[in-house]
Amino acid sequence: MANPDQKTILIDNAYKEIKNICINLQKDTNASNLEVEDLLKLIINEWEEKQGQKTGFGFR
């Protein structure tokens, strides 16, 4: 099996960290899966808007 490249490692680490943050959020606030999912969607939308402002384009 080939060694994963740095980008794959970073994505895997980010996924694990975000998952842990979501689990801890649910434990601390009793948020439902749907509430956490909605929060993640809001974060993604904000991030995409900021990326669009940087490049001046609305697509990737």
PDB file of N, CA and C in Angstrom:
ATOM      1  N   MET A   1       0.847  -1.181   0.000  1.00  0.00           N
ATOM      2  CA  MET A   1       0.000   0.000   0.000  1.00  0.00           C
ATOM      3  C   MET A   1       0.890   1.240   0.000  1.00  0.00           C
ATOM      4  N   ALA A   2       0.562   2.187  -0.823  1.00  0.00           N
ATOM      5  CA  ALA A   2       1.352   3.414  -0.928  1.00  0.00           C
ATOM      6  C   ALA A   2       1.130   4.299   0.298  1.00  0.00           C
ATOM      7  N   ASN A   3       2.137   5.088   0.604  1.00  0.00           N
ATOM      8  CA  ASN A   3       2.005   6.031   1.712  1.00  0.00           C
ATOM      9  C   ASN A   3       1.048   7.144   1.324  1.00  0.00           C
ATOM     10  N   PRO A   4       0.162   7.527   2.244  1.00  0.00           N
ATOM     11  CA  PRO A   4      -0.751   8.638   1.923  1.00  0.00           C
ATOM     12  C   PRO A   4       0.033   9.942   1.830  1.00  0.00           C
ATOM     13  N   ASP A   5      -0.399  10.804   0.943  1.00  0.00           N
ATOM     14  CA  ASP A   5       0.289  12.082   0.824  1.00  0.00           C
ATOM     15  C   ASP A   5      -0.131  13.027   1.951  1.00  0.00           C
ATOM     16  N   GLN A   6       0.562  14.131   2.073  1.00  0.00           N
ATOM     17  CA  GLN A   6       0.336  15.071   3.167  1.00  0.00           C
ATOM     18  C   GLN A   6      -1.090  15.623   3.168  1.00  0.00           C
ATOM     19  N   LYS A   7      -1.626  15.885   1.985  1.00  0.00           N
ATOM     20  CA  LYS A   7      -2.990  16.416   1.893  1.00  0.00           C
ATOM     21  C   LYS A   7      -3.993  15.429   2.485  1.00  0.00           C
ATOM     22  N   THR A   8      -3.850  14.157   2.173  1.00  0.00           N
ATOM     23  CA  THR A   8      -4.740  13.124   2.707  1.00  0.00           C
ATOM     24  C   THR A   8      -4.632  13.053   4.224  1.00  0.00           C
ATOM     25  N   ILE A   9      -3.418  13.125   4.737  1.00  0.00           N
ATOM     26  CA  ILE A   9      -3.208  13.086   6.182  1.00  0.00           C
ATOM     27  C   ILE A   9      -3.878  14.283   6.853  1.00  0.00           C
ATOM     28  N   LEU A  10      -3.706  15.474   6.278  1.00  0.00           N
ATOM     29  CA  LEU A  10      -4.326  16.672   6.848  1.00  0.00           C
ATOM     30  C   LEU A  10      -5.848  16.585   6.825  1.00  0.00           C
ATOM     31  N   ILE A  11      -6.410  16.086   5.739  1.00  0.00           N
ATOM     32  CA  ILE A  11      -7.868  15.940   5.640  1.00  0.00           C
ATOM     33  C   ILE A  11      -8.371  14.945   6.675  1.00  0.00           C
ATOM     34  N   ASP A  12      -7.678  13.823   6.816  1.00  0.00           N
ATOM     35  CA  ASP A  12      -8.070  12.820   7.813  1.00  0.00           C
ATOM     36  C   ASP A  12      -8.008  13.384   9.231  1.00  0.00           C
ATOM     37  N   ASN A  13      -6.951  14.130   9.525  1.00  0.00           N
ATOM     38  CA  ASN A  13      -6.815  14.738  10.853  1.00  0.00           C
ATOM     39  C   ASN A  13      -7.905  15.776  11.105  1.00  0.00           C
ATOM     40  N   ALA A  14      -8.200  16.589  10.096  1.00  0.00           N
ATOM     41  CA  ALA A  14      -9.256  17.594  10.244  1.00  0.00           C
ATOM     42  C   ALA A  14     -10.603  16.927  10.478  1.00  0.00           C
ATOM     43  N   TYR A  15     -10.875  15.847   9.747  1.00  0.00           N
ATOM     44  CA  TYR A  15     -12.124  15.121   9.910  1.00  0.00           C
ATOM     45  C   TYR A  15     -12.260  14.612  11.344  1.00  0.00           C
ATOM     46  N   LYS A  16     -11.198  14.013  11.858  1.00  0.00           N
ATOM     47  CA  LYS A  16     -11.226  13.479  13.228  1.00  0.00           C
ATOM     48  C   LYS A  16     -11.445  14.589  14.254  1.00  0.00           C
ATOM     49  N   GLU A  17     -10.789  15.731  14.054  1.00  0.00           N
ATOM     50  CA  GLU A  17     -10.949  16.845  14.987  1.00  0.00           C
ATOM     51  C   GLU A  17     -12.363  17.411  14.945  1.00  0.00           C
ATOM     52  N   ILE A  18     -12.897  17.588  13.750  1.00  0.00           N
ATOM     53  CA  ILE A  18     -14.264  18.116  13.612  1.00  0.00           C
ATOM     54  C   ILE A  18     -15.268  17.142  14.220  1.00  0.00           C
ATOM     55  N   LYS A  19     -15.064  15.857  13.996  1.00  0.00           N
ATOM     56  CA  LYS A  19     -15.952  14.849  14.575  1.00  0.00           C
ATOM     57  C   LYS A  19     -15.929  14.923  16.100  1.00  0.00           C
ATOM     58  N   ASN A  20     -14.742  15.041  16.686  1.00  0.00           N
ATOM     59  CA  ASN A  20     -14.635  15.158  18.142  1.00  0.00           C
ATOM     60  C   ASN A  20     -15.296  16.430  18.663  1.00  0.00           C
ATOM     61  N   ILE A  21     -15.142  17.531  17.942  1.00  0.00           N
ATOM     62  CA  ILE A  21     -15.793  18.780  18.333  1.00  0.00           C
ATOM     63  C   ILE A  21     -17.306  18.608  18.333  1.00  0.00           C
ATOM     64  N   CYS A  22     -17.835  17.952  17.304  1.00  0.00           N
ATOM     65  CA  CYS A  22     -19.282  17.737  17.214  1.00  0.00           C
ATOM     66  C   CYS A  22     -19.781  16.826  18.335  1.00  0.00           C
ATOM     67  N   ILE A  23     -19.030  15.778  18.636  1.00  0.00           N
ATOM     68  CA  ILE A  23     -19.414  14.879  19.721  1.00  0.00           C
ATOM     69  C   ILE A  23     -19.432  15.621  21.047  1.00  0.00           C
ATOM     70  N   ASN A  24     -18.391  16.419  21.297  1.00  0.00           N
ATOM     71  CA  ASN A  24     -18.331  17.187  22.546  1.00  0.00           C
ATOM     72  C   ASN A  24     -19.449  18.230  22.617  1.00  0.00           C
ATOM     73  N   LEU A  25     -19.774  18.852  21.483  1.00  0.00           N
ATOM     74  CA  LEU A  25     -20.879  19.807  21.437  1.00  0.00           C
ATOM     75  C   LEU A  25     -22.175  19.123  21.837  1.00  0.00           C
ATOM     76  N   GLN A  26     -22.406  17.932  21.299  1.00  0.00           N
ATOM     77  CA  GLN A  26     -23.628  17.209  21.631  1.00  0.00           C
ATOM     78  C   GLN A  26     -23.660  16.828  23.109  1.00  0.00           C
ATOM     79  N   LYS A  27     -22.524  16.415  23.652  1.00  0.00           N
ATOM     80  CA  LYS A  27     -22.474  16.058  25.076  1.00  0.00           C
ATOM     81  C   LYS A  27     -22.730  17.273  25.963  1.00  0.00           C
ATOM     82  N   ASP A  28     -22.144  18.414  25.583  1.00  0.00           N
ATOM     83  CA  ASP A  28     -22.241  19.616  26.414  1.00  0.00           C
ATOM     84  C   ASP A  28     -23.589  20.319  26.312  1.00  0.00           C
ATOM     85  N   THR A  29     -24.239  20.225  25.154  1.00  0.00           N
ATOM     86  CA  THR A  29     -25.455  21.012  24.937  1.00  0.00           C
ATOM     87  C   THR A  29     -26.698  20.173  24.675  1.00  0.00           C
ATOM     88  N   ASN A  30     -26.538  18.859  24.595  1.00  0.00           N
ATOM     89  CA  ASN A  30     -27.647  17.970  24.233  1.00  0.00           C
ATOM     90  C   ASN A  30     -28.231  18.310  22.859  1.00  0.00           C
ATOM     91  N   ALA A  31     -27.383  18.822  21.960  1.00  0.00           N
ATOM     92  CA  ALA A  31     -27.826  19.137  20.604  1.00  0.00           C
ATOM     93  C   ALA A  31     -28.113  17.835  19.856  1.00  0.00           C
ATOM     94  N   SER A  32     -29.117  17.887  19.003  1.00  0.00           N
ATOM     95  CA  SER A  32     -29.460  16.713  18.197  1.00  0.00           C
ATOM     96  C   SER A  32     -28.513  16.611  17.003  1.00  0.00           C
ATOM     97  N   ASN A  33     -28.553  15.461  16.350  1.00  0.00           N
ATOM     98  CA  ASN A  33     -27.756  15.282  15.133  1.00  0.00           C
ATOM     99  C   ASN A  33     -28.137  16.325  14.084  1.00  0.00           C
ATOM    100  N   LEU A  34     -29.423  16.600  13.966  1.00  0.00           N
ATOM    101  CA  LEU A  34     -29.899  17.578  12.986  1.00  0.00           C
ATOM    102  C   LEU A  34     -29.361  18.975  13.296  1.00  0.00           C
ATOM    103  N   GLU A  35     -29.333  19.356  14.566  1.00  0.00           N
ATOM    104  CA  GLU A  35     -28.808  20.667  14.943  1.00  0.00           C
ATOM    105  C   GLU A  35     -27.323  20.790  14.619  1.00  0.00           C
ATOM    106  N   VAL A  36     -26.571  19.733  14.876  1.00  0.00           N
ATOM    107  CA  VAL A  36     -25.140  19.747  14.561  1.00  0.00           C
ATOM    108  C   VAL A  36     -24.943  19.806  13.044  1.00  0.00           C
ATOM    109  N   GLU A  37     -25.739  19.054  12.318  1.00  0.00           N
ATOM    110  CA  GLU A  37     -25.654  19.061  10.860  1.00  0.00           C
ATOM    111  C   GLU A  37     -25.958  20.451  10.301  1.00  0.00           C
ATOM    112  N   ASP A  38     -26.987  21.104  10.838  1.00  0.00           N
ATOM    113  CA  ASP A  38     -27.329  22.457  10.406  1.00  0.00           C
ATOM    114  C   ASP A  38     -26.191  23.434  10.698  1.00  0.00           C
ATOM    115  N   LEU A  39     -25.572  23.300  11.854  1.00  0.00           N
ATOM    116  CA  LEU A  39     -24.449  24.158  12.211  1.00  0.00           C
ATOM    117  C   LEU A  39     -23.286  23.964  11.243  1.00  0.00           C
ATOM    118  N   LEU A  40     -22.987  22.721  10.923  1.00  0.00           N
ATOM    119  CA  LEU A  40     -21.905  22.446   9.975  1.00  0.00           C
ATOM    120  C   LEU A  40     -22.211  23.027   8.591  1.00  0.00           C
ATOM    121  N   LYS A  41     -23.466  22.949   8.166  1.00  0.00           N
ATOM    122  CA  LYS A  41     -23.857  23.526   6.875  1.00  0.00           C
ATOM    123  C   LYS A  41     -23.675  25.039   6.878  1.00  0.00           C
ATOM    124  N   LEU A  42     -24.040  25.686   7.997  1.00  0.00           N
ATOM    125  CA  LEU A  42     -23.840  27.129   8.101  1.00  0.00           C
ATOM    126  C   LEU A  42     -22.358  27.488   8.015  1.00  0.00           C
ATOM    127  N   ILE A  43     -21.522  26.712   8.686  1.00  0.00           N
ATOM    128  CA  ILE A  43     -20.078  26.958   8.650  1.00  0.00           C
ATOM    129  C   ILE A  43     -19.543  26.792   7.231  1.00  0.00           C
ATOM    130  N   ILE A  44     -19.988  25.753   6.541  1.00  0.00           N
ATOM    131  CA  ILE A  44     -19.543  25.523   5.164  1.00  0.00           C
ATOM    132  C   ILE A  44     -19.962  26.680   4.269  1.00  0.00           C
ATOM    133  N   ASN A  45     -21.209  27.135   4.410  1.00  0.00           N
ATOM    134  CA  ASN A  45     -21.692  28.242   3.587  1.00  0.00           C
ATOM    135  C   ASN A  45     -20.893  29.510   3.837  1.00  0.00           C
ATOM    136  N   GLU A  46     -20.587  29.805   5.101  1.00  0.00           N
ATOM    137  CA  GLU A  46     -19.781  30.983   5.426  1.00  0.00           C
ATOM    138  C   GLU A  46     -18.391  30.865   4.816  1.00  0.00           C
ATOM    139  N   TRP A  47     -17.797  29.699   4.937  1.00  0.00           N
ATOM    140  CA  TRP A  47     -16.455  29.481   4.416  1.00  0.00           C
ATOM    141  C   TRP A  47     -16.427  29.646   2.896  1.00  0.00           C
ATOM    142  N   GLU A  48     -17.437  29.078   2.218  1.00  0.00           N
ATOM    143  CA  GLU A  48     -17.496  29.194   0.764  1.00  0.00           C
ATOM    144  C   GLU A  48     -17.692  30.646   0.333  1.00  0.00           C
ATOM    145  N   GLU A  49     -18.482  31.409   1.085  1.00  0.00           N
ATOM    146  CA  GLU A  49     -18.668  32.825   0.768  1.00  0.00           C
ATOM    147  C   GLU A  49     -17.348  33.574   0.899  1.00  0.00           C
ATOM    148  N   LYS A  50     -16.606  33.294   1.957  1.00  0.00           N
ATOM    149  CA  LYS A  50     -15.316  33.961   2.163  1.00  0.00           C
ATOM    150  C   LYS A  50     -14.331  33.587   1.066  1.00  0.00           C
ATOM    151  N   GLN A  51     -14.340  32.317   0.638  1.00  0.00           N
ATOM    152  CA  GLN A  51     -13.468  31.880  -0.447  1.00  0.00           C
ATOM    153  C   GLN A  51     -13.853  32.593  -1.743  1.00  0.00           C
ATOM    154  N   GLY A  52     -15.153  32.744  -1.983  1.00  0.00           N
ATOM    155  CA  GLY A  52     -15.626  33.427  -3.181  1.00  0.00           C
ATOM    156  C   GLY A  52     -15.217  34.889  -3.191  1.00  0.00           C
ATOM    157  N   GLN A  53     -15.205  35.523  -2.024  1.00  0.00           N
ATOM    158  CA  GLN A  53     -14.798  36.915  -1.932  1.00  0.00           C
ATOM    159  C   GLN A  53     -13.304  37.075  -2.216  1.00  0.00           C
ATOM    160  N   LYS A  54     -12.511  36.102  -1.793  1.00  0.00           N
ATOM    161  CA  LYS A  54     -11.068  36.163  -2.013  1.00  0.00           C
ATOM    162  C   LYS A  54     -10.729  36.049  -3.501  1.00  0.00           C
ATOM    163  N   THR A  55     -11.413  35.141  -4.203  1.00  0.00           N
ATOM    164  CA  THR A  55     -11.095  34.895  -5.592  1.00  0.00           C
ATOM    165  C   THR A  55     -11.892  35.780  -6.534  1.00  0.00           C
ATOM    166  N   GLY A  56     -13.031  36.280  -6.054  1.00  0.00           N
ATOM    167  CA  GLY A  56     -13.885  37.068  -6.906  1.00  0.00           C
ATOM    168  C   GLY A  56     -14.811  36.221  -7.771  1.00  0.00           C
ATOM    169  N   PHE A  57     -14.714  34.905  -7.644  1.00  0.00           N
ATOM    170  CA  PHE A  57     -15.563  34.005  -8.409  1.00  0.00           C
ATOM    171  C   PHE A  57     -16.458  33.239  -7.451  1.00  0.00           C
ATOM    172  N   GLY A  58     -17.619  32.847  -7.930  1.00  0.00           N
ATOM    173  CA  GLY A  58     -18.554  32.105  -7.102  1.00  0.00           C
ATOM    174  C   GLY A  58     -18.442  30.603  -7.258  1.00  0.00           C
ATOM    175  N   PHE A  59     -17.408  30.165  -7.918  1.00  0.00           N
ATOM    176  CA  PHE A  59     -17.243  28.723  -8.092  1.00  0.00           C
ATOM    177  C   PHE A  59     -15.810  28.328  -7.763  1.00  0.00           C
ATOM    178  N   ARG A  60     -15.595  26.998  -7.633  1.00  0.00           N
ATOM    179  CA  ARG A  60     -14.261  26.499  -7.297  1.00  0.00           C
ATOM    180  C   ARG A  60     -13.507  26.092  -8.526  1.00  0.00           C
TER     181      ARG A  60
END
